[in-house]
């Protein structure tokens, strides 16, 4: 949060959070539409960006895309933090090799179309915290901690595949974060 000369909030940078109990705070994400509205009322303006989290498997018109459409209608840019979590698909996430080999291409084409249909800018933060070892080998086919160079190459290959697929679908309203 930066403040203007009169001590009133000037500009909220990425980092505003609205708590689930309706109290506005300045943390790292938003929780619900009511919380976003409460935060905006407290700061006296519309947020520029609203961050939402989405999993690889449930990225559909019933979850983050409805939230993204709500943000767009409210004058905000939606930022979707999109992880490759995929419960029920061993090892629980989409691996880099499955992504690069096209196993999820049909799903990605559908998801790209959904984002394109929003018709407004959407920030996508795809598989953020890619270096985090918490998931073990969940995204990578190697251990991130033991072999970060190989893991980095795998991440780049998967990211390039997703990016290229969106580009091939002529999705021009995505800004990759």
C-alpha atoms as a PDB file:
ATOM      1  CA  UNK A   1       0.000   0.000   0.000  1.00  0.00           C
ATOM      2  CA  UNK A   2       1.331   3.420  -0.821  1.00  0.00           C
ATOM      3  CA  UNK A   3      -0.223   6.520   0.671  1.00  0.00           C
ATOM      4  CA  UNK A   4      -0.775   9.916  -0.864  1.00  0.00           C
ATOM      5  CA  UNK A   5       0.412  13.186   0.670  1.00  0.00           C
ATOM      6  CA  UNK A   6      -2.736  13.568   2.760  1.00  0.00           C
ATOM      7  CA  UNK A   7      -2.239  10.191   4.447  1.00  0.00           C
ATOM      8  CA  UNK A   8      -5.089   8.615   2.478  1.00  0.00           C
ATOM      9  CA  UNK A   9      -4.434   5.444   0.505  1.00  0.00           C
ATOM     10  CA  UNK A  10      -2.986   6.286  -2.869  1.00  0.00           C
ATOM     11  CA  UNK A  11      -2.399   3.070  -4.756  1.00  0.00           C
ATOM     12  CA  UNK A  12      -2.773  -0.555  -3.717  1.00  0.00           C
ATOM     13  CA  UNK A  13      -0.142  -2.695  -5.320  1.00  0.00           C
ATOM     14  CA  UNK A  14      -0.435  -6.450  -5.722  1.00  0.00           C
ATOM     15  CA  UNK A  15      -0.705  -7.528  -2.134  1.00  0.00           C
ATOM     16  CA  UNK A  16      -4.162  -6.510  -0.947  1.00  0.00           C
ATOM     17  CA  UNK A  17      -6.136  -9.127   0.933  1.00  0.00           C
ATOM     18  CA  UNK A  18      -9.660  -9.103   2.203  1.00  0.00           C
ATOM     19  CA  UNK A  19     -10.097 -11.409   5.186  1.00  0.00           C
ATOM     20  CA  UNK A  20     -12.986 -13.862   5.224  1.00  0.00           C
ATOM     21  CA  UNK A  21     -14.484 -12.168   8.278  1.00  0.00           C
ATOM     22  CA  UNK A  22     -14.938  -8.984   6.237  1.00  0.00           C
ATOM     23  CA  UNK A  23     -12.041  -7.110   7.784  1.00  0.00           C
ATOM     24  CA  UNK A  24      -9.789  -5.489   5.235  1.00  0.00           C
ATOM     25  CA  UNK A  25      -6.065  -6.089   5.525  1.00  0.00           C
ATOM     26  CA  UNK A  26      -3.091  -5.655   3.261  1.00  0.00           C
ATOM     27  CA  UNK A  27      -1.645  -9.096   2.795  1.00  0.00           C
ATOM     28  CA  UNK A  28      -1.314 -11.380  -0.215  1.00  0.00           C
ATOM     29  CA  UNK A  29      -4.587 -12.392  -1.874  1.00  0.00           C
ATOM     30  CA  UNK A  30      -8.339 -12.010  -1.859  1.00  0.00           C
ATOM     31  CA  UNK A  31     -10.890 -14.398  -0.403  1.00  0.00           C
ATOM     32  CA  UNK A  32     -14.413 -13.678  -1.597  1.00  0.00           C
ATOM     33  CA  UNK A  33     -16.432 -11.149  -3.550  1.00  0.00           C
ATOM     34  CA  UNK A  34     -17.833  -9.617  -0.344  1.00  0.00           C
ATOM     35  CA  UNK A  35     -14.334  -9.329   1.093  1.00  0.00           C
ATOM     36  CA  UNK A  36     -13.071  -7.615  -2.056  1.00  0.00           C
ATOM     37  CA  UNK A  37     -15.963  -5.158  -1.920  1.00  0.00           C
ATOM     38  CA  UNK A  38     -15.301  -4.486   1.788  1.00  0.00           C
ATOM     39  CA  UNK A  39     -11.643  -3.816   1.080  1.00  0.00           C
ATOM     40  CA  UNK A  40     -12.502  -1.517  -1.809  1.00  0.00           C
ATOM     41  CA  UNK A  41     -14.931   0.394   0.416  1.00  0.00           C
ATOM     42  CA  UNK A  42     -12.207   0.782   3.034  1.00  0.00           C
ATOM     43  CA  UNK A  43      -9.618   2.130   0.596  1.00  0.00           C
ATOM     44  CA  UNK A  44     -12.133   4.164  -1.379  1.00  0.00           C
ATOM     45  CA  UNK A  45     -11.517   2.727  -4.825  1.00  0.00           C
ATOM     46  CA  UNK A  46     -11.606  -0.406  -6.963  1.00  0.00           C
ATOM     47  CA  UNK A  47      -8.637  -2.755  -6.782  1.00  0.00           C
ATOM     48  CA  UNK A  48      -6.580  -2.845  -9.945  1.00  0.00           C
ATOM     49  CA  UNK A  49      -5.838  -6.580  -9.684  1.00  0.00           C
ATOM     50  CA  UNK A  50      -7.621  -9.430  -7.887  1.00  0.00           C
ATOM     51  CA  UNK A  51      -5.674 -12.671  -7.382  1.00  0.00           C
ATOM     52  CA  UNK A  52      -7.411 -16.063  -7.408  1.00  0.00           C
ATOM     53  CA  UNK A  53      -6.021 -19.551  -7.099  1.00  0.00           C
ATOM     54  CA  UNK A  54      -6.923 -22.335  -9.511  1.00  0.00           C
ATOM     55  CA  UNK A  55      -5.945 -25.964  -9.869  1.00  0.00           C
ATOM     56  CA  UNK A  56      -5.134 -27.584 -13.185  1.00  0.00           C
ATOM     57  CA  UNK A  57      -8.103 -29.949 -12.997  1.00  0.00           C
ATOM     58  CA  UNK A  58     -10.880 -27.584 -11.876  1.00  0.00           C
ATOM     59  CA  UNK A  59     -10.087 -24.610 -14.057  1.00  0.00           C
ATOM     60  CA  UNK A  60     -13.520 -24.339 -15.593  1.00  0.00           C
ATOM     61  CA  UNK A  61     -16.412 -21.998 -16.138  1.00  0.00           C
ATOM     62  CA  UNK A  62     -17.689 -22.805 -12.653  1.00  0.00           C
ATOM     63  CA  UNK A  63     -14.714 -21.649 -10.591  1.00  0.00           C
ATOM     64  CA  UNK A  64     -11.956 -19.149 -11.328  1.00  0.00           C
ATOM     65  CA  UNK A  65     -13.501 -18.064 -14.607  1.00  0.00           C
ATOM     66  CA  UNK A  66     -16.693 -16.912 -12.897  1.00  0.00           C
ATOM     67  CA  UNK A  67     -14.547 -14.977 -10.436  1.00  0.00           C
ATOM     68  CA  UNK A  68     -12.529 -13.548 -13.336  1.00  0.00           C
ATOM     69  CA  UNK A  69     -15.718 -12.444 -15.109  1.00  0.00           C
ATOM     70  CA  UNK A  70     -16.909 -10.814 -11.871  1.00  0.00           C
ATOM     71  CA  UNK A  71     -13.610  -8.953 -11.582  1.00  0.00           C
ATOM     72  CA  UNK A  72     -13.748  -7.772 -15.187  1.00  0.00           C
ATOM     73  CA  UNK A  73     -17.311  -6.524 -14.721  1.00  0.00           C
ATOM     74  CA  UNK A  74     -16.136  -4.666 -11.617  1.00  0.00           C
ATOM     75  CA  UNK A  75     -13.236  -2.983 -13.396  1.00  0.00           C
ATOM     76  CA  UNK A  76     -10.483  -5.192 -11.980  1.00  0.00           C
ATOM     77  CA  UNK A  77      -7.908  -7.267 -13.812  1.00  0.00           C
ATOM     78  CA  UNK A  78      -8.160 -10.881 -12.667  1.00  0.00           C
ATOM     79  CA  UNK A  79      -4.893 -12.644 -11.924  1.00  0.00           C
ATOM     80  CA  UNK A  80      -5.221 -16.421 -11.881  1.00  0.00           C
ATOM     81  CA  UNK A  81      -2.508 -18.261  -9.974  1.00  0.00           C
ATOM     82  CA  UNK A  82      -2.730 -21.619 -11.725  1.00  0.00           C
ATOM     83  CA  UNK A  83      -1.110 -24.732 -10.220  1.00  0.00           C
ATOM     84  CA  UNK A  84      -0.803 -28.110 -11.901  1.00  0.00           C
ATOM     85  CA  UNK A  85      -2.512 -29.954  -9.027  1.00  0.00           C
ATOM     86  CA  UNK A  86      -4.517 -32.852 -10.402  1.00  0.00           C
ATOM     87  CA  UNK A  87      -5.952 -35.123  -7.679  1.00  0.00           C
ATOM     88  CA  UNK A  88      -6.582 -38.653  -8.882  1.00  0.00           C
ATOM     89  CA  UNK A  89      -3.854 -38.479 -11.518  1.00  0.00           C
ATOM     90  CA  UNK A  90      -0.698 -40.049 -10.096  1.00  0.00           C
ATOM     91  CA  UNK A  91       1.426 -38.410  -8.709  1.00  0.00           C
ATOM     92  CA  UNK A  92      -1.321 -35.867  -7.891  1.00  0.00           C
ATOM     93  CA  UNK A  93      -0.198 -33.264 -10.398  1.00  0.00           C
ATOM     94  CA  UNK A  94       0.404 -32.955 -14.093  1.00  0.00           C
ATOM     95  CA  UNK A  95       4.075 -33.812 -14.631  1.00  0.00           C
ATOM     96  CA  UNK A  96       6.228 -31.796 -16.994  1.00  0.00           C
ATOM     97  CA  UNK A  97       6.633 -34.734 -19.357  1.00  0.00           C
ATOM     98  CA  UNK A  98       2.862 -35.311 -19.589  1.00  0.00           C
ATOM     99  CA  UNK A  99       2.360 -31.610 -20.354  1.00  0.00           C
ATOM    100  CA  UNK A 100       5.116 -31.457 -22.964  1.00  0.00           C
ATOM    101  CA  UNK A 101       3.938 -34.721 -24.556  1.00  0.00           C
ATOM    102  CA  UNK A 102       0.442 -33.302 -25.036  1.00  0.00           C
ATOM    103  CA  UNK A 103      -1.480 -35.406 -22.504  1.00  0.00           C
ATOM    104  CA  UNK A 104      -3.404 -32.311 -21.374  1.00  0.00           C
ATOM    105  CA  UNK A 105      -3.688 -30.522 -24.723  1.00  0.00           C
ATOM    106  CA  UNK A 106      -7.440 -31.094 -25.149  1.00  0.00           C
ATOM    107  CA  UNK A 107      -8.029 -29.714 -21.655  1.00  0.00           C
ATOM    108  CA  UNK A 108      -5.713 -26.760 -22.320  1.00  0.00           C
ATOM    109  CA  UNK A 109      -7.427 -25.926 -25.616  1.00  0.00           C
ATOM    110  CA  UNK A 110     -10.773 -25.844 -23.817  1.00  0.00           C
ATOM    111  CA  UNK A 111      -9.362 -23.726 -20.993  1.00  0.00           C
ATOM    112  CA  UNK A 112      -7.673 -21.361 -23.451  1.00  0.00           C
ATOM    113  CA  UNK A 113     -11.031 -20.887 -25.176  1.00  0.00           C
ATOM    114  CA  UNK A 114     -12.680 -20.050 -21.856  1.00  0.00           C
ATOM    115  CA  UNK A 115     -10.074 -17.398 -21.093  1.00  0.00           C
ATOM    116  CA  UNK A 116     -10.311 -15.986 -24.607  1.00  0.00           C
ATOM    117  CA  UNK A 117     -14.102 -15.737 -24.242  1.00  0.00           C
ATOM    118  CA  UNK A 118     -13.670 -13.408 -21.271  1.00  0.00           C
ATOM    119  CA  UNK A 119     -12.642 -10.801 -23.845  1.00  0.00           C
ATOM    120  CA  UNK A 120     -10.565  -8.767 -21.420  1.00  0.00           C
ATOM    121  CA  UNK A 121      -7.061  -8.905 -19.993  1.00  0.00           C
ATOM    122  CA  UNK A 122      -6.364 -11.793 -17.630  1.00  0.00           C
ATOM    123  CA  UNK A 123      -3.051 -12.233 -15.845  1.00  0.00           C
ATOM    124  CA  UNK A 124      -2.012 -15.873 -15.545  1.00  0.00           C
ATOM    125  CA  UNK A 125       0.628 -16.825 -13.027  1.00  0.00           C
ATOM    126  CA  UNK A 126       1.176 -20.378 -14.251  1.00  0.00           C
ATOM    127  CA  UNK A 127       2.687 -22.881 -11.847  1.00  0.00           C
ATOM    128  CA  UNK A 128       4.060 -20.220  -9.515  1.00  0.00           C
ATOM    129  CA  UNK A 129       6.642 -21.197  -6.883  1.00  0.00           C
ATOM    130  CA  UNK A 130       8.027 -23.721  -9.318  1.00  0.00           C
ATOM    131  CA  UNK A 131      11.081 -24.228  -7.154  1.00  0.00           C
ATOM    132  CA  UNK A 132       9.093 -25.208  -4.053  1.00  0.00           C
ATOM    133  CA  UNK A 133       9.994 -28.734  -2.908  1.00  0.00           C
ATOM    134  CA  UNK A 134       6.744 -29.263  -0.926  1.00  0.00           C
ATOM    135  CA  UNK A 135       5.182 -31.300  -3.694  1.00  0.00           C
ATOM    136  CA  UNK A 136       8.229 -33.534  -4.003  1.00  0.00           C
ATOM    137  CA  UNK A 137       8.170 -34.834  -7.555  1.00  0.00           C
ATOM    138  CA  UNK A 138       4.612 -33.629  -8.112  1.00  0.00           C
ATOM    139  CA  UNK A 139       5.347 -31.405 -11.095  1.00  0.00           C
ATOM    140  CA  UNK A 140       8.855 -32.432 -11.937  1.00  0.00           C
ATOM    141  CA  UNK A 141      10.103 -35.891 -12.701  1.00  0.00           C
ATOM    142  CA  UNK A 142      13.189 -35.033 -10.658  1.00  0.00           C
ATOM    143  CA  UNK A 143      13.753 -33.683  -7.157  1.00  0.00           C
ATOM    144  CA  UNK A 144      13.829 -29.872  -7.313  1.00  0.00           C
ATOM    145  CA  UNK A 145      16.181 -29.600  -4.347  1.00  0.00           C
ATOM    146  CA  UNK A 146      18.625 -32.285  -5.475  1.00  0.00           C
ATOM    147  CA  UNK A 147      18.676 -31.365  -9.173  1.00  0.00           C
ATOM    148  CA  UNK A 148      17.435 -27.786  -9.684  1.00  0.00           C
ATOM    149  CA  UNK A 149      19.072 -27.429 -13.111  1.00  0.00           C
ATOM    150  CA  UNK A 150      17.149 -30.332 -14.628  1.00  0.00           C
ATOM    151  CA  UNK A 151      13.964 -29.276 -12.831  1.00  0.00           C
ATOM    152  CA  UNK A 152      14.375 -25.762 -14.237  1.00  0.00           C
ATOM    153  CA  UNK A 153      14.726 -27.092 -17.772  1.00  0.00           C
ATOM    154  CA  UNK A 154      11.626 -29.224 -17.284  1.00  0.00           C
ATOM    155  CA  UNK A 155       9.645 -26.248 -15.998  1.00  0.00           C
ATOM    156  CA  UNK A 156      10.674 -24.096 -18.961  1.00  0.00           C
ATOM    157  CA  UNK A 157       9.695 -26.846 -21.423  1.00  0.00           C
ATOM    158  CA  UNK A 158       6.239 -27.228 -19.823  1.00  0.00           C
ATOM    159  CA  UNK A 159       5.716 -23.454 -19.564  1.00  0.00           C
ATOM    160  CA  UNK A 160       6.685 -23.047 -23.226  1.00  0.00           C
ATOM    161  CA  UNK A 161       4.222 -25.782 -24.209  1.00  0.00           C
ATOM    162  CA  UNK A 162       1.313 -24.125 -22.367  1.00  0.00           C
ATOM    163  CA  UNK A 163       2.257 -20.673 -23.679  1.00  0.00           C
ATOM    164  CA  UNK A 164       2.591 -21.949 -27.271  1.00  0.00           C
ATOM    165  CA  UNK A 165      -0.745 -23.745 -27.060  1.00  0.00           C
ATOM    166  CA  UNK A 166      -2.506 -20.550 -25.926  1.00  0.00           C
ATOM    167  CA  UNK A 167      -0.760 -18.640 -28.706  1.00  0.00           C
ATOM    168  CA  UNK A 168      -1.854 -21.250 -31.290  1.00  0.00           C
ATOM    169  CA  UNK A 169      -5.436 -20.785 -30.063  1.00  0.00           C
ATOM    170  CA  UNK A 170      -5.047 -17.026 -30.677  1.00  0.00           C
ATOM    171  CA  UNK A 171      -5.639 -16.167 -27.030  1.00  0.00           C
ATOM    172  CA  UNK A 172      -4.428 -12.575 -27.060  1.00  0.00           C
ATOM    173  CA  UNK A 173      -5.950 -11.355 -23.794  1.00  0.00           C
ATOM    174  CA  UNK A 174      -3.546 -13.236 -21.488  1.00  0.00           C
ATOM    175  CA  UNK A 175      -0.598 -11.559 -19.839  1.00  0.00           C
ATOM    176  CA  UNK A 176       1.767 -14.211 -18.472  1.00  0.00           C
ATOM    177  CA  UNK A 177       3.109 -13.354 -15.024  1.00  0.00           C
END
